[in-house]
Protein backbone atom coordinates (compact mmCIF):
# COMPACT_ATOMS: atom_id res chain seq x y z
CA UNK A 1 -0.25 -0.21 0.22
CA UNK A 2 1.26 3.39 -1.19
CA UNK A 3 2.18 5.73 1.71
CA UNK A 4 -0.34 8.63 2.15
CA UNK A 5 1.56 12.06 1.10
CA UNK A 6 -0.59 14.94 3.29
CA UNK A 7 -1.65 17.81 1.00
CA UNK A 8 0.77 20.98 1.46
CA UNK A 9 -1.24 23.58 3.79
CA UNK A 10 -1.84 26.37 1.56
CA UNK A 11 -2.65 29.97 3.17
CA UNK A 12 -3.68 32.98 1.32
CA UNK A 13 -1.94 36.45 2.29
CA UNK A 14 -3.49 39.75 1.05
CA UNK A 15 -1.51 42.84 0.95
CA UNK A 16 -3.53 45.97 1.59
CA UNK A 17 -2.58 49.43 2.24
CA UNK A 18 -2.42 53.13 0.12
CA UNK A 19 -0.51 53.55 -2.84
CA UNK A 20 3.37 53.40 -3.07
CA UNK A 21 3.68 52.43 0.79
CA UNK A 22 5.60 49.43 -0.71
CA UNK A 23 3.10 46.11 -0.61
CA UNK A 24 4.95 45.28 -3.86
CA UNK A 25 8.36 45.62 -2.81
CA UNK A 26 8.10 43.71 0.21
CA UNK A 27 6.93 40.78 -1.74
CA UNK A 28 9.58 41.53 -4.10
CA UNK A 29 12.25 41.34 -1.53
CA UNK A 30 10.92 38.16 0.19
CA UNK A 31 10.47 36.36 -2.91
CA UNK A 32 13.80 37.44 -4.98
CA UNK A 33 15.80 39.46 -2.42
CA UNK A 34 15.78 42.19 -4.75
CA UNK A 35 14.72 45.70 -4.53
CA UNK A 36 13.56 47.78 -7.55
CA UNK A 37 14.17 51.92 -7.07
CA UNK A 38 12.03 52.67 -10.17
CA UNK A 39 8.27 52.79 -8.91
CA UNK A 40 5.60 51.11 -10.72
CA UNK A 41 1.76 51.22 -9.50
CA UNK A 42 0.30 47.67 -9.11
CA UNK A 43 -2.62 47.35 -11.75
CA UNK A 44 -5.63 45.52 -10.34
CA UNK A 45 -4.06 42.41 -8.39
CA UNK A 46 -0.93 40.39 -8.59
CA UNK A 47 -0.53 36.83 -7.11
CA UNK A 48 2.72 35.02 -6.13
CA UNK A 49 3.27 31.91 -4.15
CA UNK A 50 6.16 30.69 -1.98
CA UNK A 51 7.04 27.67 -0.02
CA UNK A 52 8.00 28.31 3.33
CA UNK A 53 10.05 25.49 5.12
CA UNK A 54 9.73 25.97 9.32
CA UNK A 55 11.24 23.74 11.35
CA UNK A 56 9.00 20.89 11.73
CA UNK A 57 6.26 21.24 8.74
CA UNK A 58 6.03 23.41 5.15
CA UNK A 59 3.60 25.49 4.32
CA UNK A 60 2.57 27.22 0.69
CA UNK A 61 1.95 31.12 1.30
CA UNK A 62 -0.28 32.51 -1.36
CA UNK A 63 0.58 36.22 -1.79
CA UNK A 64 -2.05 38.38 -3.36
CA UNK A 65 -0.75 42.31 -4.11
CA UNK A 66 -3.22 44.44 -4.54
CA UNK A 67 -3.37 48.34 -5.92
CA UNK A 68 -3.37 51.13 -3.72
CA UNK A 69 -5.28 53.46 -6.15
CA UNK A 70 -8.72 54.56 -5.55
CA UNK A 71 -9.94 53.23 -8.71
CA UNK A 72 -9.29 49.61 -7.97
CA UNK A 73 -10.88 49.68 -4.54
CA UNK A 74 -14.08 47.45 -5.46
CA UNK A 75 -11.49 44.70 -6.43
CA UNK A 76 -10.36 44.40 -3.04
CA UNK A 77 -13.19 43.00 -0.78
CA UNK A 78 -13.50 39.57 -2.84
CA UNK A 79 -9.77 39.15 -1.94
CA UNK A 80 -9.94 39.84 1.56
CA UNK A 81 -13.25 37.16 2.07
CA UNK A 82 -11.08 34.03 1.60
CA UNK A 83 -7.83 35.15 3.50
CA UNK A 84 -6.00 33.76 6.50
CA UNK A 85 -3.90 36.69 6.92
CA UNK A 86 -4.39 40.40 6.23
CA UNK A 87 -1.06 42.43 5.94
CA UNK A 88 -1.67 46.00 6.15
CA UNK A 89 1.39 48.17 5.19
CA UNK A 90 1.92 51.95 5.89
CA UNK A 91 4.92 54.34 5.17
CA UNK A 92 6.58 55.37 8.20
CA UNK A 93 7.48 58.81 6.23
CA UNK A 94 3.83 59.32 5.31
CA UNK A 95 1.60 60.04 8.13
CA UNK A 96 -1.62 59.82 5.99
CA UNK A 97 -1.08 56.34 5.18
CA UNK A 98 -0.63 55.42 8.71
CA UNK A 99 -3.80 57.21 9.47
CA UNK A 100 -5.80 55.17 6.49
CA UNK A 101 -4.77 51.73 8.10
CA UNK A 102 -7.86 52.13 10.20
CA UNK A 103 -9.86 52.11 7.19
CA UNK A 104 -8.25 49.21 5.69
CA UNK A 105 -8.56 47.17 9.13
CA UNK A 106 -12.00 48.16 9.01
CA UNK A 107 -12.30 46.52 5.49
CA UNK A 108 -10.87 43.33 6.94
CA UNK A 109 -13.15 43.03 9.80
CA UNK A 110 -16.08 43.77 7.52
CA UNK A 111 -15.30 41.07 5.47
CA UNK A 112 -13.52 38.64 7.64
CA UNK A 113 -15.08 39.47 10.97
CA UNK A 114 -12.47 37.83 13.29
CA UNK A 115 -11.84 35.03 11.36
CA UNK A 116 -8.01 36.59 9.92
CA UNK A 117 -4.59 37.36 11.10
CA UNK A 118 -3.86 40.97 10.75
CA UNK A 119 -0.43 42.27 10.88
CA UNK A 120 0.19 46.03 10.86
CA UNK A 121 3.76 46.81 8.96
CA UNK A 122 5.45 50.14 8.93
CA UNK A 123 7.75 50.20 5.99
CA UNK A 124 10.84 52.43 4.74
CA UNK A 125 12.46 52.54 8.21
CA UNK A 126 15.44 53.16 6.11
CA UNK A 127 14.54 56.72 5.60
CA UNK A 128 15.23 57.62 9.07
CA UNK A 129 15.21 61.59 8.45
CA UNK A 130 11.65 61.90 7.13
CA UNK A 131 9.90 59.30 9.64
CA UNK A 132 6.61 60.94 10.71
CA UNK A 133 5.23 58.02 12.55
CA UNK A 134 6.73 56.70 15.47
CA UNK A 135 7.42 53.22 16.41
CA UNK A 136 5.24 53.50 19.82
CA UNK A 137 2.32 54.94 17.53
CA UNK A 138 2.41 51.94 15.30
CA UNK A 139 2.58 49.37 18.01
CA UNK A 140 -0.54 51.17 19.66
CA UNK A 141 -2.61 51.08 16.90
CA UNK A 142 -1.80 47.30 16.24
CA UNK A 143 -2.78 46.43 20.07
CA UNK A 144 -5.90 48.61 19.37
CA UNK A 145 -7.10 46.51 16.68
CA UNK A 146 -5.78 43.28 17.88
CA UNK A 147 -3.19 43.22 15.14
CA UNK A 148 0.55 41.84 15.16
CA UNK A 149 2.92 44.58 14.74
CA UNK A 150 6.75 44.80 13.05
CA UNK A 151 8.29 47.64 10.88
CA UNK A 152 10.15 46.74 7.97
CA UNK A 153 12.51 48.49 4.88
CA UNK A 154 12.02 46.43 1.76
CA UNK A 155 15.10 48.69 0.26
CA UNK A 156 17.27 47.57 3.09
CA UNK A 157 16.21 44.09 3.50
CA UNK A 158 15.21 44.59 7.28
CA UNK A 159 12.77 42.35 9.05
CA UNK A 160 11.10 41.04 5.93
CA UNK A 161 12.48 37.45 6.39
CA UNK A 162 10.98 37.70 10.13
CA UNK A 163 8.13 39.22 9.10
CA UNK A 164 7.14 36.07 7.20
CA UNK A 165 8.58 33.74 9.79
CA UNK A 166 6.53 35.33 11.93
CA UNK A 167 3.57 35.20 9.80
CA UNK A 168 4.05 31.42 9.02
CA UNK A 169 4.62 30.87 12.86
CA UNK A 170 1.24 32.46 13.74
CA UNK A 171 -1.06 30.83 10.79
CA UNK A 172 -4.40 28.97 11.89
CA UNK A 173 -3.92 25.33 12.35
CA UNK A 174 -0.28 25.31 13.15
CA UNK A 175 1.24 25.37 16.98
CA UNK A 176 2.68 28.63 18.02
CA UNK A 177 6.52 28.67 17.47
CA UNK A 178 8.29 28.52 20.86
CA UNK A 179 9.03 31.73 22.82
CA UNK A 180 12.85 30.47 22.45
CA UNK A 181 12.03 30.38 18.48
CA UNK A 182 10.51 33.80 18.56
CA UNK A 183 13.81 35.46 19.60
CA UNK A 184 15.45 34.08 16.43
CA UNK A 185 12.62 35.87 14.10
CA UNK A 186 14.17 39.28 14.40
CA UNK A 187 17.12 40.39 12.41
CA UNK A 188 19.93 40.83 14.89
CA UNK A 189 22.81 41.74 12.54
CA UNK A 190 21.44 45.29 11.71
CA UNK A 191 23.72 47.34 9.95
CA UNK A 192 22.86 51.15 10.55
CA UNK A 193 22.44 53.25 7.25
CA UNK A 194 25.64 54.53 6.08
CA UNK A 195 25.70 58.31 6.69
CA UNK A 196 22.49 58.60 8.86
CA UNK A 197 21.61 58.94 12.49
CA UNK A 198 21.34 55.69 13.18
CA UNK A 199 24.03 54.56 15.38
CA UNK A 200 24.41 51.07 17.40
CA UNK A 201 22.64 52.50 20.23
CA UNK A 202 19.41 53.50 18.63
CA UNK A 203 19.13 51.07 16.06
CA UNK A 204 17.70 48.70 18.60
CA UNK A 205 15.52 45.37 18.07
CA UNK A 206 12.52 45.19 20.20
CA UNK A 207 12.28 41.62 20.07
CA UNK A 208 8.75 41.29 21.43
CA UNK A 209 7.50 43.03 18.42
CA UNK A 210 10.14 42.63 15.88
CA UNK A 211 9.85 46.60 15.81
CA UNK A 212 13.08 48.68 15.12
CA UNK A 213 13.59 52.24 16.25
CA UNK A 214 15.79 52.54 13.39
């Protein structure tokens, strides 16, 4: 009798947020470890898929990249409806994009209720001198809405892999990764941006949230 091969667990991740906050850049950095300086707006919805190998299991992540432009907004609810995870991205140098995350979270709750994991992601932490949203504000908003929080830089590659590891370890139906392993989720080897004000002292990693004060 042939051995039974268990089907690979598949999970749908929908990326939401205003235009130009870096949704596509985060996905591209994760998928290909690349960053493209030339900005091209996502048209409609893009789909990519990647297998992640965790310590004791393998999962298939289906990444749905949505357009931030208003004219595509009517497409998005149908993609939220059957998602396991909503990744809501804002730009830490654009305060309005941060304020608008409340609307995106409301849209997710309308479509999915509490049956979805929400990750709030503050992107573009490499632009230190133009930051308009503090790490504390991001953490507070995430706590207010029962979301998980992390800050990233798709350009510098900061906290991208930890973001997806954190997502994969939190997926419904999977055992939570042990607290000892959670400490390994954050990129500890932070290299402060050359010429920026990020020194070793203020480029701290907050292991609890995966955030960074750089």
